[in-house]
C-alpha atoms as a PDB file:
ATOM      1  CA  MET A   1      87.366   7.013 -89.162  1.00  0.00           C
ATOM      2  CA  THR A   2      89.026   9.522 -86.815  1.00  0.00           C
ATOM      3  CA  SER A   3      92.254   8.911 -84.920  1.00  0.00           C
ATOM      4  CA  ASN A   4      90.380   8.410 -81.619  1.00  0.00           C
ATOM      5  CA  PRO A   5      91.778   5.107 -80.260  1.00  0.00           C
ATOM      6  CA  CYS A   6      88.402   4.302 -78.658  1.00  0.00           C
ATOM      7  CA  PHE A   7      86.773   3.884 -82.063  1.00  0.00           C
ATOM      8  CA  GLU A   8      89.367   1.273 -83.049  1.00  0.00           C
ATOM      9  CA  CYS A   9      89.397  -0.596 -79.746  1.00  0.00           C
ATOM     10  CA  GLY A  10      86.163  -0.767 -77.722  1.00  0.00           C
ATOM     11  CA  MET A  11      87.764  -3.260 -75.336  1.00  0.00           C
ATOM     12  CA  CYS A  12      86.737  -1.460 -72.144  1.00  0.00           C
ATOM     13  CA  CYS A  13      83.136  -2.130 -73.192  1.00  0.00           C
ATOM     14  CA  GLN A  14      83.951  -5.783 -73.923  1.00  0.00           C
ATOM     15  CA  TYR A  15      86.297  -6.687 -71.076  1.00  0.00           C
ATOM     16  CA  PHE A  16      85.020  -5.251 -67.784  1.00  0.00           C
ATOM     17  CA  ARG A  17      81.776  -5.681 -65.892  1.00  0.00           C
ATOM     18  CA  VAL A  18      80.289  -2.204 -66.219  1.00  0.00           C
ATOM     19  CA  SER A  19      78.704  -1.778 -62.796  1.00  0.00           C
ATOM     20  CA  PHE A  20      77.379   1.414 -61.209  1.00  0.00           C
ATOM     21  CA  TYR A  21      75.055   2.762 -58.509  1.00  0.00           C
ATOM     22  CA  HIS A  22      71.429   1.875 -59.243  1.00  0.00           C
ATOM     23  CA  GLY A  23      70.433   5.547 -58.917  1.00  0.00           C
ATOM     24  CA  GLU A  24      71.973   6.128 -62.348  1.00  0.00           C
ATOM     25  CA  ILE A  25      69.197   4.109 -64.001  1.00  0.00           C
ATOM     26  CA  ALA A  26      66.623   6.235 -65.824  1.00  0.00           C
ATOM     27  CA  GLY A  27      63.465   6.705 -63.789  1.00  0.00           C
ATOM     28  CA  ASN A  28      65.365   7.233 -60.526  1.00  0.00           C
ATOM     29  CA  ARG A  29      64.957  11.034 -60.673  1.00  0.00           C
ATOM     30  CA  THR A  30      68.509  11.802 -61.829  1.00  0.00           C
ATOM     31  CA  GLY A  31      69.370   8.589 -63.661  1.00  0.00           C
ATOM     32  CA  THR A  32      70.016   8.440 -67.398  1.00  0.00           C
ATOM     33  CA  VAL A  33      71.009   4.836 -68.193  1.00  0.00           C
ATOM     34  CA  PRO A  34      68.085   3.053 -69.935  1.00  0.00           C
ATOM     35  CA  GLU A  35      66.702   0.494 -67.490  1.00  0.00           C
ATOM     36  CA  GLU A  36      66.104  -2.137 -70.180  1.00  0.00           C
ATOM     37  CA  LEU A  37      69.868  -2.261 -70.816  1.00  0.00           C
ATOM     38  CA  THR A  38      70.742  -2.982 -67.179  1.00  0.00           C
ATOM     39  CA  THR A  39      70.838  -5.943 -64.801  1.00  0.00           C
ATOM     40  CA  ARG A  40      70.619  -5.682 -61.008  1.00  0.00           C
ATOM     41  CA  VAL A  41      73.790  -6.936 -59.322  1.00  0.00           C
ATOM     42  CA  SER A  42      72.864  -6.191 -55.704  1.00  0.00           C
ATOM     43  CA  THR A  43      70.575  -3.951 -53.686  1.00  0.00           C
ATOM     44  CA  HIS A  44      72.528  -0.856 -54.683  1.00  0.00           C
ATOM     45  CA  LEU A  45      74.407  -1.892 -57.828  1.00  0.00           C
ATOM     46  CA  ALA A  46      73.425  -2.478 -61.426  1.00  0.00           C
ATOM     47  CA  CYS A  47      75.505  -3.320 -64.484  1.00  0.00           C
ATOM     48  CA  MET A  48      75.124  -3.087 -68.218  1.00  0.00           C
ATOM     49  CA  LYS A  49      73.612  -6.208 -69.768  1.00  0.00           C
ATOM     50  CA  GLY A  50      76.220  -8.356 -71.429  1.00  0.00           C
ATOM     51  CA  THR A  51      78.907  -7.380 -68.937  1.00  0.00           C
ATOM     52  CA  GLU A  52      77.557  -9.296 -65.931  1.00  0.00           C
ATOM     53  CA  LYS A  53      80.541 -11.664 -65.758  1.00  0.00           C
ATOM     54  CA  GLY A  54      83.092  -9.607 -67.673  1.00  0.00           C
ATOM     55  CA  GLY A  55      84.708 -10.648 -70.926  1.00  0.00           C
ATOM     56  CA  GLU A  56      81.575 -10.071 -73.033  1.00  0.00           C
ATOM     57  CA  PRO A  57      80.467  -6.885 -74.818  1.00  0.00           C
ATOM     58  CA  CYS A  58      78.052  -4.381 -73.367  1.00  0.00           C
ATOM     59  CA  VAL A  59      74.662  -4.389 -75.128  1.00  0.00           C
ATOM     60  CA  ALA A  60      75.091  -0.681 -75.895  1.00  0.00           C
ATOM     61  CA  LEU A  61      78.338  -1.202 -77.854  1.00  0.00           C
ATOM     62  CA  ARG A  62      77.967  -0.977 -81.634  1.00  0.00           C
ATOM     63  CA  TYR A  63      80.510  -1.603 -84.394  1.00  0.00           C
ATOM     64  CA  THR A  64      80.569  -0.686 -88.069  1.00  0.00           C
ATOM     65  CA  PRO A  65      83.634  -0.806 -90.329  1.00  0.00           C
ATOM     66  CA  GLU A  66      83.000   2.832 -91.287  1.00  0.00           C
ATOM     67  CA  GLU A  67      82.708   4.280 -87.762  1.00  0.00           C
ATOM     68  CA  GLY A  68      84.378   1.656 -85.581  1.00  0.00           C
ATOM     69  CA  TYR A  69      83.174   1.055 -82.018  1.00  0.00           C
ATOM     70  CA  ARG A  70      80.577   3.439 -80.621  1.00  0.00           C
ATOM     71  CA  CYS A  71      78.329   3.570 -77.580  1.00  0.00           C
ATOM     72  CA  SER A  72      74.672   3.676 -78.615  1.00  0.00           C
ATOM     73  CA  ILE A  73      73.801   5.496 -75.358  1.00  0.00           C
ATOM     74  CA  TYR A  74      76.891   7.708 -75.168  1.00  0.00           C
ATOM     75  CA  GLU A  75      75.072  10.761 -73.763  1.00  0.00           C
ATOM     76  CA  LYS A  76      73.229   8.545 -71.242  1.00  0.00           C
ATOM     77  CA  ARG A  77      76.131   6.276 -70.223  1.00  0.00           C
ATOM     78  CA  SER A  78      76.961   5.575 -66.586  1.00  0.00           C
ATOM     79  CA  SER A  79      79.569   7.310 -64.438  1.00  0.00           C
ATOM     80  CA  THR A  80      81.708   4.166 -64.708  1.00  0.00           C
ATOM     81  CA  CYS A  81      81.920   4.648 -68.467  1.00  0.00           C
ATOM     82  CA  ARG A  82      82.382   8.401 -68.185  1.00  0.00           C
ATOM     83  CA  SER A  83      85.334   7.975 -65.817  1.00  0.00           C
ATOM     84  CA  PHE A  84      87.290   5.454 -67.922  1.00  0.00           C
ATOM     85  CA  ASN A  85      89.416   7.557 -70.273  1.00  0.00           C
ATOM     86  CA  VAL A  86      92.421   7.158 -72.536  1.00  0.00           C
ATOM     87  CA  LEU A  87      94.254   9.680 -70.364  1.00  0.00           C
ATOM     88  CA  ASN A  88      94.272  10.163 -66.612  1.00  0.00           C
ATOM     89  CA  ASP A  89      93.286  13.522 -65.125  1.00  0.00           C
ATOM     90  CA  ASP A  90      96.956  14.542 -64.972  1.00  0.00           C
ATOM     91  CA  GLY A  91      97.420  13.859 -68.702  1.00  0.00           C
ATOM     92  CA  THR A  92      99.372  10.626 -68.306  1.00  0.00           C
ATOM     93  CA  PRO A  93      98.246   7.543 -70.260  1.00  0.00           C
ATOM     94  CA  ASN A  94      95.690   5.302 -68.527  1.00  0.00           C
ATOM     95  CA  GLN A  95      97.643   2.054 -68.046  1.00  0.00           C
ATOM     96  CA  ASP A  96      94.476  -0.089 -68.025  1.00  0.00           C
ATOM     97  CA  CYS A  97      93.393   1.468 -71.316  1.00  0.00           C
ATOM     98  CA  GLN A  98      96.816   0.843 -72.858  1.00  0.00           C
ATOM     99  CA  LYS A  99      96.658  -2.833 -71.819  1.00  0.00           C
ATOM    100  CA  LEU A 100      93.218  -3.169 -73.395  1.00  0.00           C
ATOM    101  CA  GLN A 101      94.398  -1.488 -76.599  1.00  0.00           C
ATOM    102  CA  LEU A 102      97.154  -4.117 -76.790  1.00  0.00           C
ATOM    103  CA  ILE A 103      94.582  -6.917 -76.370  1.00  0.00           C
ATOM    104  CA  ALA A 104      92.448  -5.332 -79.112  1.00  0.00           C
ATOM    105  CA  LYS A 105      95.424  -5.201 -81.499  1.00  0.00           C
ATOM    106  CA  GLN A 106      96.231  -8.853 -80.792  1.00  0.00           C
ATOM    107  CA  LYS A 107      92.611  -9.881 -81.404  1.00  0.00           C
ATOM    108  CA  LYS A 108      92.544  -7.904 -84.644  1.00  0.00           C
ATOM    109  CA  GLN A 109      95.727  -9.647 -85.826  1.00  0.00           C
ATOM    110  CA  GLN A 110      94.099 -12.992 -85.031  1.00  0.00           C
ATOM    111  CA  GLY A 111      90.969 -11.989 -86.964  1.00  0.00           C
ATOM    112  CA  LEU A 112      88.864 -11.803 -83.790  1.00  0.00           C
ATOM    113  CA  GLY A 113      88.489  -8.028 -83.641  1.00  0.00           C
ATOM    114  CA  CYS A 114      84.954  -7.128 -84.654  1.00  0.00           C
ATOM    115  CA  LYS A 115      81.955  -8.428 -82.774  1.00  0.00           C
END
């Protein structure tokens, strides 16, 4: 496995409700997110199935011991997912990501790491 912290953590895909503008759903001219993996939240918002209430993994998240956590729709993921990075635009660490990495380490130590 590479040294990419995302592959060892995956918490952003398991912790937050992943909501986004409904126009990002495939079939809406410019959308790419597979509709069958989404749930409508409101007139203009959708979210990834599994993340409706937060605290549960996104249906697109996959885990294998060999590769770690990976998004099964990485190239088609929403803008919400695309904008959450390990580093901020100015190169400083993303504080929310660092907090989630800490939670992931604690879960792993407790034997709760891999879903």
